[in-house]
N, C-alpha and C. Protein backbone atom coordinates (compact mmCIF):
# COMPACT_ATOMS: atom_id res chain seq x y z
N MET A 1 21.07 -15.27 20.78
CA MET A 1 20.58 -14.64 19.57
C MET A 1 20.22 -15.74 18.58
N SER A 2 19.08 -15.62 17.95
CA SER A 2 18.69 -16.62 16.97
C SER A 2 18.85 -16.05 15.57
N THR A 3 19.07 -16.93 14.64
CA THR A 3 19.18 -16.50 13.25
C THR A 3 18.03 -17.12 12.48
N HIS A 4 17.59 -16.42 11.48
CA HIS A 4 16.50 -16.90 10.65
C HIS A 4 16.95 -16.89 9.20
N ASP A 5 16.49 -17.88 8.47
CA ASP A 5 16.78 -17.95 7.06
C ASP A 5 16.07 -16.79 6.37
N ALA A 6 16.80 -16.04 5.59
CA ALA A 6 16.23 -14.88 4.90
C ALA A 6 15.43 -15.30 3.68
N GLY A 7 15.39 -16.59 3.37
CA GLY A 7 14.65 -17.07 2.22
C GLY A 7 15.55 -17.15 1.01
N PRO A 8 14.99 -17.60 -0.09
CA PRO A 8 15.79 -17.75 -1.30
C PRO A 8 16.23 -16.41 -1.85
N ALA A 9 17.40 -16.41 -2.44
CA ALA A 9 17.93 -15.19 -3.05
C ALA A 9 17.09 -14.82 -4.26
N ALA A 10 16.90 -13.54 -4.46
CA ALA A 10 16.15 -13.07 -5.63
C ALA A 10 16.82 -13.58 -6.89
N GLY A 11 16.00 -14.02 -7.85
CA GLY A 11 16.54 -14.52 -9.09
C GLY A 11 16.68 -16.03 -9.11
N THR A 12 16.61 -16.69 -7.96
CA THR A 12 16.69 -18.14 -7.95
C THR A 12 15.33 -18.70 -8.31
N SER A 13 15.29 -19.97 -8.71
CA SER A 13 14.01 -20.57 -9.11
C SER A 13 13.04 -20.63 -7.94
N ALA A 14 13.53 -20.81 -6.71
CA ALA A 14 12.64 -20.84 -5.55
C ALA A 14 12.01 -19.47 -5.32
N ALA A 15 12.75 -18.40 -5.57
CA ALA A 15 12.21 -17.05 -5.37
C ALA A 15 11.12 -16.73 -6.38
N ARG A 16 11.14 -17.38 -7.53
CA ARG A 16 10.14 -17.13 -8.57
C ARG A 16 8.99 -18.12 -8.51
N SER A 17 9.03 -19.08 -7.61
CA SER A 17 7.98 -20.09 -7.55
C SER A 17 6.65 -19.45 -7.14
N PRO A 18 5.54 -19.99 -7.63
CA PRO A 18 4.24 -19.43 -7.25
C PRO A 18 4.02 -19.43 -5.74
N GLU A 19 4.46 -20.46 -5.05
CA GLU A 19 4.27 -20.54 -3.60
C GLU A 19 4.99 -19.40 -2.89
N TYR A 20 6.20 -19.10 -3.32
CA TYR A 20 6.98 -18.01 -2.72
C TYR A 20 6.29 -16.67 -2.98
N ARG A 21 5.83 -16.46 -4.20
CA ARG A 21 5.17 -15.21 -4.56
C ARG A 21 3.85 -15.04 -3.82
N VAL A 22 3.11 -16.14 -3.64
CA VAL A 22 1.85 -16.09 -2.90
C VAL A 22 2.11 -15.75 -1.43
N ALA A 23 3.16 -16.34 -0.85
CA ALA A 23 3.51 -16.04 0.54
C ALA A 23 3.86 -14.56 0.69
N HIS A 24 4.57 -14.01 -0.27
CA HIS A 24 4.92 -12.58 -0.23
C HIS A 24 3.66 -11.73 -0.36
N LEU A 25 2.74 -12.14 -1.22
CA LEU A 25 1.46 -11.43 -1.37
C LEU A 25 0.70 -11.44 -0.05
N GLN A 26 0.63 -12.58 0.61
CA GLN A 26 -0.08 -12.68 1.89
C GLN A 26 0.54 -11.74 2.93
N ASP A 27 1.86 -11.65 2.94
CA ASP A 27 2.53 -10.73 3.86
C ASP A 27 2.13 -9.28 3.57
N ARG A 28 2.10 -8.92 2.29
CA ARG A 28 1.73 -7.54 1.92
C ARG A 28 0.29 -7.24 2.27
N LEU A 29 -0.61 -8.21 2.06
CA LEU A 29 -2.02 -7.98 2.36
C LEU A 29 -2.26 -7.83 3.86
N ALA A 30 -1.51 -8.57 4.66
CA ALA A 30 -1.72 -8.54 6.11
C ALA A 30 -1.06 -7.35 6.79
N SER A 31 -0.08 -6.75 6.14
CA SER A 31 0.63 -5.63 6.76
C SER A 31 0.37 -4.35 5.99
N GLY A 32 0.97 -3.29 6.42
CA GLY A 32 0.85 -2.03 5.70
C GLY A 32 -0.53 -1.43 5.82
N HIS A 33 -0.89 -0.58 4.87
CA HIS A 33 -2.16 0.14 4.94
C HIS A 33 -3.35 -0.77 4.67
N LEU A 34 -3.14 -1.89 3.98
CA LEU A 34 -4.26 -2.79 3.71
C LEU A 34 -4.72 -3.50 4.97
N GLY A 35 -3.81 -4.16 5.65
CA GLY A 35 -4.16 -4.90 6.86
C GLY A 35 -5.31 -5.85 6.63
N GLU A 36 -5.38 -6.42 5.45
CA GLU A 36 -6.52 -7.23 5.05
C GLU A 36 -6.29 -8.70 5.37
N LEU A 37 -6.96 -9.19 6.40
CA LEU A 37 -6.81 -10.58 6.81
C LEU A 37 -7.95 -11.45 6.32
N GLY A 38 -8.95 -10.86 5.68
CA GLY A 38 -10.10 -11.62 5.20
C GLY A 38 -9.91 -12.18 3.81
N VAL A 39 -8.73 -12.02 3.23
CA VAL A 39 -8.45 -12.51 1.88
C VAL A 39 -7.51 -13.70 1.98
N ARG A 40 -7.87 -14.78 1.31
CA ARG A 40 -7.06 -16.00 1.31
C ARG A 40 -6.51 -16.25 -0.09
N THR A 41 -5.36 -16.86 -0.16
CA THR A 41 -4.75 -17.21 -1.44
C THR A 41 -4.36 -18.68 -1.41
N GLU A 42 -4.57 -19.35 -2.53
CA GLU A 42 -4.23 -20.76 -2.65
C GLU A 42 -3.60 -21.02 -4.01
N VAL A 43 -2.56 -21.83 -4.03
CA VAL A 43 -1.97 -22.26 -5.29
C VAL A 43 -2.63 -23.58 -5.66
N ARG A 44 -3.20 -23.62 -6.84
CA ARG A 44 -3.86 -24.84 -7.34
C ARG A 44 -3.27 -25.16 -8.71
N GLY A 45 -2.24 -25.98 -8.69
CA GLY A 45 -1.54 -26.31 -9.92
C GLY A 45 -0.82 -25.09 -10.45
N GLU A 46 -1.17 -24.67 -11.65
CA GLU A 46 -0.55 -23.49 -12.27
C GLU A 46 -1.37 -22.22 -12.04
N THR A 47 -2.44 -22.32 -11.26
CA THR A 47 -3.34 -21.20 -11.04
C THR A 47 -3.33 -20.78 -9.58
N VAL A 48 -3.50 -19.49 -9.33
CA VAL A 48 -3.61 -18.98 -7.97
C VAL A 48 -5.04 -18.49 -7.77
N LEU A 49 -5.68 -18.95 -6.69
CA LEU A 49 -7.03 -18.52 -6.34
C LEU A 49 -6.93 -17.52 -5.20
N VAL A 50 -7.52 -16.35 -5.40
CA VAL A 50 -7.57 -15.30 -4.38
C VAL A 50 -9.05 -15.12 -4.04
N HIS A 51 -9.42 -15.34 -2.77
CA HIS A 51 -10.83 -15.25 -2.40
C HIS A 51 -10.98 -14.71 -0.99
N GLY A 52 -12.17 -14.17 -0.73
CA GLY A 52 -12.44 -13.65 0.60
C GLY A 52 -13.42 -12.49 0.56
N THR A 53 -13.53 -11.82 1.70
CA THR A 53 -14.47 -10.72 1.87
C THR A 53 -13.73 -9.48 2.35
N VAL A 54 -14.06 -8.35 1.75
CA VAL A 54 -13.46 -7.07 2.14
C VAL A 54 -14.58 -6.09 2.49
N PRO A 55 -14.27 -5.05 3.26
CA PRO A 55 -15.32 -4.14 3.74
C PRO A 55 -15.82 -3.10 2.74
N SER A 56 -15.08 -2.84 1.65
CA SER A 56 -15.52 -1.79 0.72
C SER A 56 -15.00 -2.06 -0.69
N ALA A 57 -15.61 -1.39 -1.65
CA ALA A 57 -15.18 -1.51 -3.04
C ALA A 57 -13.76 -0.96 -3.20
N ARG A 58 -13.44 0.11 -2.49
CA ARG A 58 -12.08 0.69 -2.55
C ARG A 58 -11.05 -0.32 -2.05
N CYS A 59 -11.37 -1.00 -0.97
CA CYS A 59 -10.46 -2.01 -0.42
C CYS A 59 -10.28 -3.15 -1.44
N ARG A 60 -11.36 -3.53 -2.11
CA ARG A 60 -11.28 -4.58 -3.13
C ARG A 60 -10.33 -4.16 -4.25
N GLU A 61 -10.45 -2.92 -4.70
CA GLU A 61 -9.56 -2.43 -5.75
C GLU A 61 -8.10 -2.40 -5.29
N ASP A 62 -7.87 -2.01 -4.05
CA ASP A 62 -6.50 -2.01 -3.50
C ASP A 62 -5.93 -3.43 -3.46
N VAL A 63 -6.75 -4.39 -3.04
CA VAL A 63 -6.31 -5.78 -3.00
C VAL A 63 -6.00 -6.28 -4.40
N LEU A 64 -6.89 -6.01 -5.36
CA LEU A 64 -6.67 -6.46 -6.73
C LEU A 64 -5.41 -5.84 -7.33
N SER A 65 -5.16 -4.59 -7.03
CA SER A 65 -3.95 -3.93 -7.51
C SER A 65 -2.70 -4.61 -6.95
N THR A 66 -2.72 -4.92 -5.67
CA THR A 66 -1.59 -5.60 -5.04
C THR A 66 -1.41 -6.99 -5.62
N VAL A 67 -2.50 -7.70 -5.88
CA VAL A 67 -2.43 -9.03 -6.49
C VAL A 67 -1.79 -8.93 -7.87
N ARG A 68 -2.21 -7.95 -8.67
CA ARG A 68 -1.63 -7.79 -10.01
C ARG A 68 -0.13 -7.52 -9.94
N GLU A 69 0.30 -6.70 -8.99
CA GLU A 69 1.73 -6.40 -8.84
C GLU A 69 2.53 -7.64 -8.46
N GLU A 70 2.06 -8.36 -7.45
CA GLU A 70 2.81 -9.49 -6.90
C GLU A 70 2.77 -10.73 -7.78
N LEU A 71 1.66 -10.95 -8.48
CA LEU A 71 1.49 -12.20 -9.21
C LEU A 71 1.47 -12.00 -10.72
N ALA A 72 2.11 -10.94 -11.20
CA ALA A 72 2.17 -10.68 -12.64
C ALA A 72 2.77 -11.89 -13.35
N GLY A 73 2.13 -12.31 -14.43
CA GLY A 73 2.62 -13.44 -15.19
C GLY A 73 2.03 -14.78 -14.78
N LEU A 74 1.32 -14.82 -13.66
CA LEU A 74 0.66 -16.05 -13.22
C LEU A 74 -0.82 -15.98 -13.55
N GLU A 75 -1.44 -17.13 -13.77
CA GLU A 75 -2.88 -17.17 -13.96
C GLU A 75 -3.54 -17.03 -12.59
N VAL A 76 -4.39 -16.02 -12.45
CA VAL A 76 -5.01 -15.73 -11.16
C VAL A 76 -6.52 -15.65 -11.33
N HIS A 77 -7.24 -16.31 -10.43
CA HIS A 77 -8.70 -16.20 -10.37
C HIS A 77 -9.05 -15.50 -9.06
N CYS A 78 -9.79 -14.40 -9.17
CA CYS A 78 -10.16 -13.63 -7.97
C CYS A 78 -11.65 -13.75 -7.71
N ASP A 79 -11.98 -14.05 -6.48
CA ASP A 79 -13.37 -14.10 -6.01
C ASP A 79 -13.43 -13.34 -4.70
N ILE A 80 -13.38 -12.02 -4.80
CA ILE A 80 -13.36 -11.16 -3.62
C ILE A 80 -14.71 -10.44 -3.54
N VAL A 81 -15.40 -10.65 -2.42
CA VAL A 81 -16.74 -10.12 -2.21
C VAL A 81 -16.67 -8.89 -1.32
N VAL A 82 -17.47 -7.88 -1.67
CA VAL A 82 -17.56 -6.67 -0.85
C VAL A 82 -18.77 -6.80 0.06
N SER A 83 -18.57 -6.59 1.34
CA SER A 83 -19.68 -6.69 2.30
C SER A 83 -19.89 -5.35 2.99
N GLU A 84 -20.31 -4.37 2.22
CA GLU A 84 -20.55 -3.04 2.78
C GLU A 84 -21.83 -3.07 3.61
N PRO A 85 -21.70 -2.74 4.87
CA PRO A 85 -22.91 -2.70 5.69
C PRO A 85 -23.75 -1.48 5.31
N SER A 86 -25.00 -1.71 5.04
CA SER A 86 -25.89 -0.59 4.71
C SER A 86 -27.22 -0.81 5.41
N SER A 87 -27.93 0.27 5.61
CA SER A 87 -29.22 0.16 6.28
C SER A 87 -30.24 -0.40 5.29
N PRO A 88 -31.25 -1.08 5.80
CA PRO A 88 -32.27 -1.65 4.91
C PRO A 88 -33.03 -0.55 4.18
N ASP A 89 -33.45 -0.85 2.96
CA ASP A 89 -34.18 0.15 2.18
C ASP A 89 -35.69 0.08 2.42
N HIS A 90 -36.16 -0.95 3.15
CA HIS A 90 -37.58 -1.05 3.48
C HIS A 90 -37.75 -1.83 4.79
N ALA A 91 -38.92 -1.69 5.37
CA ALA A 91 -39.19 -2.38 6.63
C ALA A 91 -39.44 -3.85 6.38
N GLU A 92 -38.98 -4.67 7.29
CA GLU A 92 -39.21 -6.11 7.18
C GLU A 92 -40.59 -6.42 7.74
N GLU A 93 -41.38 -7.18 7.00
CA GLU A 93 -42.72 -7.54 7.45
C GLU A 93 -42.66 -8.88 8.14
N LEU A 94 -43.13 -8.91 9.37
CA LEU A 94 -43.16 -10.15 10.14
C LEU A 94 -44.59 -10.64 10.22
N SER A 95 -44.77 -11.95 10.14
CA SER A 95 -46.13 -12.48 10.25
C SER A 95 -46.27 -13.42 11.41
């Protein structure tokens, strides 16, 4: 049987560190109903950058809501692009 470190106890300085909170955010984004693996997070000094591509505007709002919950109190820059596939609105002219 193997044992794993459960991580820092809640309330400790390590549990409140931006890196720990970002790791928890990544876990939430990858699991559950979001299952969003196209979003990346990076800690850059005192700022967290959240970037990537999601399939719909609704998914983007869900990701942003989760980011706000997990990273409250941190400076966060979000660059999340929606790539909704849609049919062309006109024919392409080839020459």
